[in-house]
Amino acid sequence: METWHLIKTERLATADALATLSETEWDAPSLCDGWRNRDTLAHVVATAELTTGGFVGGLVRNGMSFNKMVAGDIRRVGADEPAQLISRLRAAAPGPNHPPGPVAAMLMEIVVHGEDIAFALDKTIDHSTEGLLGAADFAKNAQPLVGCRKRIAGLSLHATDVEWSTGTGPEVRGPLVALLLAMSGRRAAWTPSPARASPSCADATRRRPVRPATTGRQRCRTAAAARVRPRAGPPCRARRGRVAWTLSTGTRRRSASGTGPTGRPGA
């Protein structure tokens, strides 16, 4: 399926899922450290409306600082109420505006940032299977700004709800949404499950230094101690961390539409 069609489908699904959020929910923190849900939505809309010329002009006006440009866009676009932003997201859904870079980056953008809001609130987005697969295939090799490629280096990721995997090494298993969030450095997606960690995972994590957010560099001694909590920095960018775990959405259930290699995804 053509990438822009997938982007349109995911933007509209995200708008549908978020349209009924309350003011309290909009003011709640998203998975992006320092951003409320309304800030994350403002960023999504600003990016969906951004052209290459607008991107270059924004950088110049902000002294070539990407972070300052993003923060300014959030303040400017976020002046609208969430209902207005949802309407703007629907209007921008078909594209074709986007900043410099691969179009597939926009697919990852809407899936991950939509979940930054929905996952944090225990809400569901009716993702298409093709959209999730396309976002994951892009994310596994993405490094500039998002750091996914280095974050998952030396690990083997396996989705449990669709037929998708990448990499070699200790296994990390979970629903594809959780894997996408973990690749993107969202610590909420990491659910330690020592009982399900294989000996190879334990051995690998003992050999690997990890960097917990609060204690600096530390060497893991057991699988139960191996926990990564990447700390996000502006603009919603997580520091590198690696660990082998089984990921879970807990009690949260994710709905999905469309048919992939293994049919309709479940929880």
C-alpha atoms as a PDB file:
ATOM      1  CA  MET A   1       0.000   0.000   0.000  1.00  0.00           C
ATOM      2  CA  GLU A   2       1.305   3.475  -0.891  1.00  0.00           C
ATOM      3  CA  THR A   3       2.964   5.230   2.056  1.00  0.00           C
ATOM      4  CA  TRP A   4       0.878   8.399   1.887  1.00  0.00           C
ATOM      5  CA  HIS A   5      -2.290   6.323   1.995  1.00  0.00           C
ATOM      6  CA  LEU A   6      -1.018   4.629   5.160  1.00  0.00           C
ATOM      7  CA  ILE A   7      -0.166   8.022   6.671  1.00  0.00           C
ATOM      8  CA  LYS A   8      -3.652   9.309   5.881  1.00  0.00           C
ATOM      9  CA  THR A   9      -5.247   6.204   7.411  1.00  0.00           C
ATOM     10  CA  GLU A  10      -3.166   6.496  10.594  1.00  0.00           C
ATOM     11  CA  ARG A  11      -3.786  10.235  10.976  1.00  0.00           C
ATOM     12  CA  LEU A  12      -7.532   9.777  10.660  1.00  0.00           C
ATOM     13  CA  ALA A  13      -7.509   6.810  13.056  1.00  0.00           C
ATOM     14  CA  THR A  14      -5.527   8.870  15.556  1.00  0.00           C
ATOM     15  CA  ALA A  15      -7.915  11.803  15.215  1.00  0.00           C
ATOM     16  CA  ASP A  16     -10.892   9.483  15.781  1.00  0.00           C
ATOM     17  CA  ALA A  17      -9.313   7.942  18.871  1.00  0.00           C
ATOM     18  CA  LEU A  18      -8.390  11.262  20.464  1.00  0.00           C
ATOM     19  CA  ALA A  19     -11.488  13.282  19.574  1.00  0.00           C
ATOM     20  CA  THR A  20     -13.303  12.448  22.810  1.00  0.00           C
ATOM     21  CA  LEU A  21     -10.514  13.189  25.307  1.00  0.00           C
ATOM     22  CA  SER A  22     -11.419  15.439  28.217  1.00  0.00           C
ATOM     23  CA  GLU A  23      -9.607  18.632  29.240  1.00  0.00           C
ATOM     24  CA  THR A  24      -8.054  16.725  32.119  1.00  0.00           C
ATOM     25  CA  GLU A  25      -6.751  14.072  29.741  1.00  0.00           C
ATOM     26  CA  TRP A  26      -5.351  16.672  27.373  1.00  0.00           C
ATOM     27  CA  ASP A  27      -3.451  18.247  30.265  1.00  0.00           C
ATOM     28  CA  ALA A  28      -2.052  14.893  31.430  1.00  0.00           C
ATOM     29  CA  PRO A  29       1.578  14.014  30.609  1.00  0.00           C
ATOM     30  CA  SER A  30       2.263  12.109  27.417  1.00  0.00           C
ATOM     31  CA  LEU A  31       5.041   9.562  26.978  1.00  0.00           C
ATOM     32  CA  CYS A  32       7.208  12.443  25.733  1.00  0.00           C
ATOM     33  CA  ASP A  33       8.952  13.768  28.831  1.00  0.00           C
ATOM     34  CA  GLY A  34       7.953  17.377  29.469  1.00  0.00           C
ATOM     35  CA  TRP A  35       5.084  17.353  26.984  1.00  0.00           C
ATOM     36  CA  ARG A  36       1.421  17.257  27.906  1.00  0.00           C
ATOM     37  CA  ASN A  37      -0.887  15.353  25.590  1.00  0.00           C
ATOM     38  CA  ARG A  38      -2.030  18.641  24.056  1.00  0.00           C
ATOM     39  CA  ASP A  39       1.608  19.567  23.372  1.00  0.00           C
ATOM     40  CA  THR A  40       2.212  16.265  21.620  1.00  0.00           C
ATOM     41  CA  LEU A  41      -0.889  16.772  19.481  1.00  0.00           C
ATOM     42  CA  ALA A  42       0.283  20.283  18.611  1.00  0.00           C
ATOM     43  CA  HIS A  43       3.634  18.827  17.507  1.00  0.00           C
ATOM     44  CA  VAL A  44       1.891  16.211  15.354  1.00  0.00           C
ATOM     45  CA  VAL A  45      -0.236  18.871  13.663  1.00  0.00           C
ATOM     46  CA  ALA A  46       2.689  21.257  13.179  1.00  0.00           C
ATOM     47  CA  THR A  47       4.722  18.502  11.538  1.00  0.00           C
ATOM     48  CA  ALA A  48       1.811  17.381   9.348  1.00  0.00           C
ATOM     49  CA  GLU A  49       1.419  20.943   8.048  1.00  0.00           C
ATOM     50  CA  LEU A  50       5.146  21.630   7.656  1.00  0.00           C
ATOM     51  CA  THR A  51       6.693  22.057   4.221  1.00  0.00           C
ATOM     52  CA  THR A  52      10.366  21.784   3.309  1.00  0.00           C
ATOM     53  CA  GLY A  53      10.522  25.565   2.930  1.00  0.00           C
ATOM     54  CA  GLY A  54       8.826  26.077   6.270  1.00  0.00           C
ATOM     55  CA  PHE A  55      11.282  23.708   7.920  1.00  0.00           C
ATOM     56  CA  VAL A  56      14.312  25.538   6.545  1.00  0.00           C
ATOM     57  CA  GLY A  57      12.829  28.930   7.428  1.00  0.00           C
ATOM     58  CA  GLY A  58      12.035  27.727  10.946  1.00  0.00           C
ATOM     59  CA  LEU A  59      15.593  26.583  11.482  1.00  0.00           C
ATOM     60  CA  VAL A  60      16.986  29.906  10.302  1.00  0.00           C
ATOM     61  CA  ARG A  61      14.629  31.898  12.553  1.00  0.00           C
ATOM     62  CA  ASN A  62      15.678  29.777  15.524  1.00  0.00           C
ATOM     63  CA  GLY A  63      19.421  30.033  15.021  1.00  0.00           C
ATOM     64  CA  MET A  64      19.606  26.599  13.372  1.00  0.00           C
ATOM     65  CA  SER A  65      18.353  24.972  16.582  1.00  0.00           C
ATOM     66  CA  PHE A  66      15.957  22.115  15.840  1.00  0.00           C
ATOM     67  CA  ASN A  67      14.825  21.939  19.468  1.00  0.00           C
ATOM     68  CA  LYS A  68      13.979  25.647  19.608  1.00  0.00           C
ATOM     69  CA  MET A  69      12.068  25.366  16.339  1.00  0.00           C
ATOM     70  CA  VAL A  70       9.983  22.454  17.643  1.00  0.00           C
ATOM     71  CA  ALA A  71       9.271  24.230  20.931  1.00  0.00           C
ATOM     72  CA  GLY A  72       8.186  27.345  19.043  1.00  0.00           C
ATOM     73  CA  ASP A  73       5.921  25.337  16.761  1.00  0.00           C
ATOM     74  CA  ILE A  74       4.252  23.741  19.782  1.00  0.00           C
ATOM     75  CA  ARG A  75       3.589  27.163  21.345  1.00  0.00           C
ATOM     76  CA  ARG A  76       2.250  28.571  18.095  1.00  0.00           C
ATOM     77  CA  VAL A  77       0.091  25.656  16.992  1.00  0.00           C
ATOM     78  CA  GLY A  78      -0.844  24.742  20.552  1.00  0.00           C
ATOM     79  CA  ALA A  79      -2.628  28.083  20.943  1.00  0.00           C
ATOM     80  CA  ASP A  80      -5.584  26.311  19.317  1.00  0.00           C
ATOM     81  CA  GLU A  81      -7.885  24.154  21.419  1.00  0.00           C
ATOM     82  CA  PRO A  82      -7.539  20.351  21.033  1.00  0.00           C
ATOM     83  CA  ALA A  83     -10.797  20.134  19.074  1.00  0.00           C
ATOM     84  CA  GLN A  84      -9.393  22.602  16.543  1.00  0.00           C
ATOM     85  CA  LEU A  85      -6.139  20.661  16.369  1.00  0.00           C
ATOM     86  CA  ILE A  86      -8.034  17.444  15.701  1.00  0.00           C
ATOM     87  CA  SER A  87      -9.794  19.183  12.792  1.00  0.00           C
ATOM     88  CA  ARG A  88      -6.455  20.421  11.470  1.00  0.00           C
ATOM     89  CA  LEU A  89      -5.019  16.912  11.696  1.00  0.00           C
ATOM     90  CA  ARG A  90      -7.943  15.568   9.680  1.00  0.00           C
ATOM     91  CA  ALA A  91      -7.444  18.290   7.074  1.00  0.00           C
ATOM     92  CA  ALA A  92      -3.713  17.518   6.820  1.00  0.00           C
ATOM     93  CA  ALA A  93      -4.243  13.747   6.726  1.00  0.00           C
ATOM     94  CA  PRO A  94      -3.878  13.240   2.951  1.00  0.00           C
ATOM     95  CA  GLY A  95      -0.518  15.067   2.828  1.00  0.00           C
ATOM     96  CA  PRO A  96       1.627  15.742   0.891  1.00  0.00           C
ATOM     97  CA  ASN A  97       3.427  18.307   3.096  1.00  0.00           C
ATOM     98  CA  HIS A  98       6.386  17.069   5.069  1.00  0.00           C
ATOM     99  CA  PRO A  99       9.781  18.303   6.275  1.00  0.00           C
ATOM    100  CA  PRO A 100      12.956  17.118   4.539  1.00  0.00           C
ATOM    101  CA  GLY A 101      13.528  13.386   4.831  1.00  0.00           C
ATOM    102  CA  PRO A 102      11.884  10.092   3.879  1.00  0.00           C
ATOM    103  CA  VAL A 103       8.105  10.078   3.630  1.00  0.00           C
ATOM    104  CA  ALA A 104       8.103   6.910   5.739  1.00  0.00           C
ATOM    105  CA  ALA A 105       9.360   9.022   8.652  1.00  0.00           C
ATOM    106  CA  MET A 106       5.943  10.668   8.697  1.00  0.00           C
ATOM    107  CA  LEU A 107       4.310   7.257   9.101  1.00  0.00           C
ATOM    108  CA  MET A 108       6.481   6.496  12.128  1.00  0.00           C
ATOM    109  CA  GLU A 109       5.781  10.010  13.421  1.00  0.00           C
ATOM    110  CA  ILE A 110       2.005   9.649  13.520  1.00  0.00           C
ATOM    111  CA  VAL A 111       2.003   6.092  14.881  1.00  0.00           C
ATOM    112  CA  VAL A 112       4.503   6.740  17.677  1.00  0.00           C
ATOM    113  CA  HIS A 113       3.230  10.185  18.682  1.00  0.00           C
ATOM    114  CA  GLY A 114      -0.370   9.000  18.542  1.00  0.00           C
ATOM    115  CA  GLU A 115       0.579   6.251  20.964  1.00  0.00           C
ATOM    116  CA  ASP A 116       2.504   8.763  23.097  1.00  0.00           C
ATOM    117  CA  ILE A 117      -0.951  10.113  23.908  1.00  0.00           C
ATOM    118  CA  ALA A 118      -3.144   7.007  23.718  1.00  0.00           C
ATOM    119  CA  PHE A 119      -0.789   4.563  25.449  1.00  0.00           C
ATOM    120  CA  ALA A 120      -0.305   6.960  28.360  1.00  0.00           C
ATOM    121  CA  LEU A 121      -4.087   7.203  28.829  1.00  0.00           C
ATOM    122  CA  ASP A 122      -4.812   3.503  28.297  1.00  0.00           C
ATOM    123  CA  LYS A 123      -6.735   4.369  25.130  1.00  0.00           C
ATOM    124  CA  THR A 124      -6.773   2.491  21.850  1.00  0.00           C
ATOM    125  CA  ILE A 125      -6.069   3.603  18.294  1.00  0.00           C
ATOM    126  CA  ASP A 126      -7.490   1.516  15.461  1.00  0.00           C
ATOM    127  CA  HIS A 127      -4.172   1.081  13.648  1.00  0.00           C
ATOM    128  CA  SER A 128      -3.997  -0.699  10.333  1.00  0.00           C
ATOM    129  CA  THR A 129      -1.679  -3.681  10.273  1.00  0.00           C
ATOM    130  CA  GLU A 130       0.042  -2.272   7.200  1.00  0.00           C
ATOM    131  CA  GLY A 131       0.589   1.047   8.950  1.00  0.00           C
ATOM    132  CA  LEU A 132       2.223  -0.602  11.966  1.00  0.00           C
ATOM    133  CA  LEU A 133       4.432  -2.780   9.770  1.00  0.00           C
ATOM    134  CA  GLY A 134       5.487   0.191   7.653  1.00  0.00           C
ATOM    135  CA  ALA A 135       6.317   2.281  10.721  1.00  0.00           C
ATOM    136  CA  ALA A 136       8.295  -0.576  12.294  1.00  0.00           C
ATOM    137  CA  ASP A 137      10.226  -1.300   9.093  1.00  0.00           C
ATOM    138  CA  PHE A 138      11.276   2.335   8.919  1.00  0.00           C
ATOM    139  CA  ALA A 139      12.041   2.653  12.636  1.00  0.00           C
ATOM    140  CA  LYS A 140      14.391  -0.333  12.800  1.00  0.00           C
ATOM    141  CA  ASN A 141      16.941   1.505  10.634  1.00  0.00           C
ATOM    142  CA  ALA A 142      16.195   5.071  11.737  1.00  0.00           C
ATOM    143  CA  GLN A 143      18.986   6.855  13.607  1.00  0.00           C
ATOM    144  CA  PRO A 144      19.013  10.673  13.130  1.00  0.00           C
ATOM    145  CA  LEU A 145      16.827  12.413  15.760  1.00  0.00           C
ATOM    146  CA  VAL A 146      15.198   9.171  16.982  1.00  0.00           C
ATOM    147  CA  GLY A 147      18.154   6.865  17.675  1.00  0.00           C
ATOM    148  CA  CYS A 148      16.282   3.623  17.005  1.00  0.00           C
ATOM    149  CA  ARG A 149      18.996   1.756  15.118  1.00  0.00           C
ATOM    150  CA  LYS A 150      21.619   2.068  17.860  1.00  0.00           C
ATOM    151  CA  ARG A 151      19.065   1.525  20.620  1.00  0.00           C
ATOM    152  CA  ILE A 152      18.200  -1.956  19.324  1.00  0.00           C
ATOM    153  CA  ALA A 153      21.668  -2.929  18.055  1.00  0.00           C
ATOM    154  CA  GLY A 154      22.554  -6.459  19.145  1.00  0.00           C
ATOM    155  CA  LEU A 155      18.969  -7.403  20.003  1.00  0.00           C
ATOM    156  CA  SER A 156      16.400  -9.558  18.243  1.00  0.00           C
ATOM    157  CA  LEU A 157      12.911  -8.038  18.241  1.00  0.00           C
ATOM    158  CA  HIS A 158       9.880 -10.250  17.623  1.00  0.00           C
ATOM    159  CA  ALA A 159       6.278  -9.040  17.425  1.00  0.00           C
ATOM    160  CA  THR A 160       3.763 -11.315  19.089  1.00  0.00           C
ATOM    161  CA  ASP A 161       0.648 -10.028  17.322  1.00  0.00           C
ATOM    162  CA  VAL A 162       1.827  -9.793  13.700  1.00  0.00           C
ATOM    163  CA  GLU A 163       4.543 -11.478  11.671  1.00  0.00           C
ATOM    164  CA  TRP A 164       7.456  -9.049  12.137  1.00  0.00           C
ATOM    165  CA  SER A 165      10.977  -9.374  13.476  1.00  0.00           C
ATOM    166  CA  THR A 166      14.363  -7.728  13.123  1.00  0.00           C
ATOM    167  CA  GLY A 167      17.920  -8.101  14.373  1.00  0.00           C
ATOM    168  CA  THR A 168      19.945 -10.848  15.991  1.00  0.00           C
ATOM    169  CA  GLY A 169      20.855 -11.462  19.609  1.00  0.00           C
ATOM    170  CA  PRO A 170      18.863 -11.732  22.854  1.00  0.00           C
ATOM    171  CA  GLU A 171      15.147 -11.644  22.158  1.00  0.00           C
ATOM    172  CA  VAL A 172      12.738  -8.855  22.972  1.00  0.00           C
ATOM    173  CA  ARG A 173       9.135  -9.922  22.376  1.00  0.00           C
ATOM    174  CA  GLY A 174       5.868  -8.025  22.533  1.00  0.00           C
ATOM    175  CA  PRO A 175       3.007  -6.437  20.567  1.00  0.00           C
ATOM    176  CA  LEU A 176       4.285  -4.377  17.660  1.00  0.00           C
ATOM    177  CA  VAL A 177       3.041  -1.111  19.182  1.00  0.00           C
ATOM    178  CA  ALA A 178       5.085  -1.835  22.314  1.00  0.00           C
ATOM    179  CA  LEU A 179       8.147  -2.673  20.209  1.00  0.00           C
ATOM    180  CA  LEU A 180       7.770   0.559  18.258  1.00  0.00           C
ATOM    181  CA  LEU A 181       7.559   2.570  21.467  1.00  0.00           C
ATOM    182  CA  ALA A 182      10.547   0.728  22.929  1.00  0.00           C
ATOM    183  CA  MET A 183      12.600   1.321  19.763  1.00  0.00           C
ATOM    184  CA  SER A 184      11.688   4.983  20.100  1.00  0.00           C
ATOM    185  CA  GLY A 185      12.924   5.078  23.706  1.00  0.00           C
ATOM    186  CA  ARG A 186       9.566   5.209  25.480  1.00  0.00           C
ATOM    187  CA  ARG A 187      10.226   3.642  28.875  1.00  0.00           C
ATOM    188  CA  ALA A 188       6.512   2.933  29.472  1.00  0.00           C
ATOM    189  CA  ALA A 189       6.739   0.151  26.879  1.00  0.00           C
ATOM    190  CA  TRP A 190       9.342  -1.784  28.891  1.00  0.00           C
ATOM    191  CA  THR A 191       7.679  -4.220  31.293  1.00  0.00           C
ATOM    192  CA  PRO A 192      10.329  -6.359  33.008  1.00  0.00           C
ATOM    193  CA  SER A 193       9.320 -10.012  33.115  1.00  0.00           C
ATOM    194  CA  PRO A 194      12.217 -11.980  34.663  1.00  0.00           C
ATOM    195  CA  ALA A 195      10.168 -15.182  34.812  1.00  0.00           C
ATOM    196  CA  ARG A 196       9.989 -15.207  31.029  1.00  0.00           C
ATOM    197  CA  ALA A 197      13.568 -14.101  30.373  1.00  0.00           C
ATOM    198  CA  SER A 198      15.644 -16.907  28.876  1.00  0.00           C
ATOM    199  CA  PRO A 199      19.125 -17.780  30.166  1.00  0.00           C
ATOM    200  CA  SER A 200      20.617 -16.212  27.043  1.00  0.00           C
ATOM    201  CA  CYS A 201      18.883 -12.940  27.902  1.00  0.00           C
ATOM    202  CA  ALA A 202      20.239 -13.108  31.437  1.00  0.00           C
ATOM    203  CA  ASP A 203      23.746 -13.837  30.189  1.00  0.00           C
ATOM    204  CA  ALA A 204      23.605 -11.015  27.679  1.00  0.00           C
ATOM    205  CA  THR A 205      22.384  -8.455  30.174  1.00  0.00           C
ATOM    206  CA  ARG A 206      25.071  -9.462  32.671  1.00  0.00           C
ATOM    207  CA  ARG A 207      27.690  -8.710  30.041  1.00  0.00           C
ATOM    208  CA  ARG A 208      26.167  -5.400  29.023  1.00  0.00           C
ATOM    209  CA  PRO A 209      26.508  -2.088  30.817  1.00  0.00           C
ATOM    210  CA  VAL A 210      23.259  -0.175  30.960  1.00  0.00           C
ATOM    211  CA  ARG A 211      22.597   3.394  31.998  1.00  0.00           C
ATOM    212  CA  PRO A 212      19.638   3.812  34.310  1.00  0.00           C
ATOM    213  CA  ALA A 213      18.339   7.364  34.283  1.00  0.00           C
ATOM    214  CA  THR A 214      19.032   8.006  37.961  1.00  0.00           C
ATOM    215  CA  THR A 215      22.283   6.191  38.731  1.00  0.00           C
ATOM    216  CA  GLY A 216      24.498   6.555  35.671  1.00  0.00           C
ATOM    217  CA  ARG A 217      26.518   3.631  34.328  1.00  0.00           C
ATOM    218  CA  GLN A 218      25.903   0.356  36.074  1.00  0.00           C
ATOM    219  CA  ARG A 219      26.573  -3.251  35.126  1.00  0.00           C
ATOM    220  CA  CYS A 220      23.616  -5.594  35.405  1.00  0.00           C
ATOM    221  CA  ARG A 221      24.319  -8.745  37.399  1.00  0.00           C
ATOM    222  CA  THR A 222      21.057 -10.615  36.941  1.00  0.00           C
ATOM    223  CA  ALA A 223      18.156 -10.620  34.517  1.00  0.00           C
ATOM    224  CA  ALA A 224      15.924  -9.276  37.282  1.00  0.00           C
ATOM    225  CA  ALA A 225      18.204  -6.244  37.639  1.00  0.00           C
ATOM    226  CA  ALA A 226      18.356  -5.541  33.923  1.00  0.00           C
ATOM    227  CA  ARG A 227      16.030  -2.609  33.444  1.00  0.00           C
ATOM    228  CA  VAL A 228      16.307   0.299  31.054  1.00  0.00           C
ATOM    229  CA  ARG A 229      14.536   3.546  31.686  1.00  0.00           C
ATOM    230  CA  PRO A 230      15.621   5.844  28.863  1.00  0.00           C
ATOM    231  CA  ARG A 231      15.214   9.489  29.729  1.00  0.00           C
ATOM    232  CA  ALA A 232      13.740  11.588  26.948  1.00  0.00           C
ATOM    233  CA  GLY A 233      15.175  14.936  26.012  1.00  0.00           C
ATOM    234  CA  PRO A 234      13.765  17.615  23.759  1.00  0.00           C
ATOM    235  CA  PRO A 235      12.199  17.228  21.340  1.00  0.00           C
ATOM    236  CA  CYS A 236      10.810  14.001  22.786  1.00  0.00           C
ATOM    237  CA  ARG A 237      14.053  12.166  22.113  1.00  0.00           C
ATOM    238  CA  ALA A 238      15.133   9.330  24.391  1.00  0.00           C
ATOM    239  CA  ARG A 239      18.645   8.532  25.527  1.00  0.00           C
ATOM    240  CA  ARG A 240      20.099   5.250  24.476  1.00  0.00           C
ATOM    241  CA  GLY A 241      19.484   2.146  26.545  1.00  0.00           C
ATOM    242  CA  ARG A 242      19.393  -1.571  25.852  1.00  0.00           C
ATOM    243  CA  VAL A 243      17.977  -4.598  27.595  1.00  0.00           C
ATOM    244  CA  ALA A 244      16.387  -7.902  26.616  1.00  0.00           C
ATOM    245  CA  TRP A 245      12.839  -8.254  27.905  1.00  0.00           C
ATOM    246  CA  THR A 246       9.384  -9.387  27.053  1.00  0.00           C
ATOM    247  CA  LEU A 247       7.233  -6.336  26.433  1.00  0.00           C
ATOM    248  CA  SER A 248       3.588  -6.159  27.374  1.00  0.00           C
ATOM    249  CA  THR A 249       0.736  -3.701  27.188  1.00  0.00           C
ATOM    250  CA  GLY A 250      -0.468  -4.970  30.563  1.00  0.00           C
ATOM    251  CA  THR A 251      -4.230  -4.708  30.907  1.00  0.00           C
ATOM    252  CA  ARG A 252      -4.443  -2.327  27.970  1.00  0.00           C
ATOM    253  CA  ARG A 253      -5.870  -3.821  24.813  1.00  0.00           C
ATOM    254  CA  ARG A 254      -5.052  -2.523  21.361  1.00  0.00           C
ATOM    255  CA  SER A 255      -7.494  -2.811  18.502  1.00  0.00           C
ATOM    256  CA  ALA A 256      -6.234  -2.953  14.948  1.00  0.00           C
ATOM    257  CA  SER A 257      -7.823  -3.036  11.544  1.00  0.00           C
ATOM    258  CA  GLY A 258      -6.670  -4.532   8.297  1.00  0.00           C
ATOM    259  CA  THR A 259      -5.174  -7.928   7.588  1.00  0.00           C
ATOM    260  CA  GLY A 260      -1.464  -8.597   7.777  1.00  0.00           C
ATOM    261  CA  PRO A 261       0.617 -11.734   7.288  1.00  0.00           C
ATOM    262  CA  THR A 262      -0.967 -13.395  10.329  1.00  0.00           C
ATOM    263  CA  GLY A 263      -4.396 -11.783  10.180  1.00  0.00           C
ATOM    264  CA  ARG A 264      -5.975  -9.335  12.553  1.00  0.00           C
ATOM    265  CA  PRO A 265      -3.709  -8.416  15.518  1.00  0.00           C
ATOM    266  CA  GLY A 266      -4.991  -8.906  19.013  1.00  0.00           C
ATOM    267  CA  ALA A 267      -3.946  -7.506  22.386  1.00  0.00           C
END
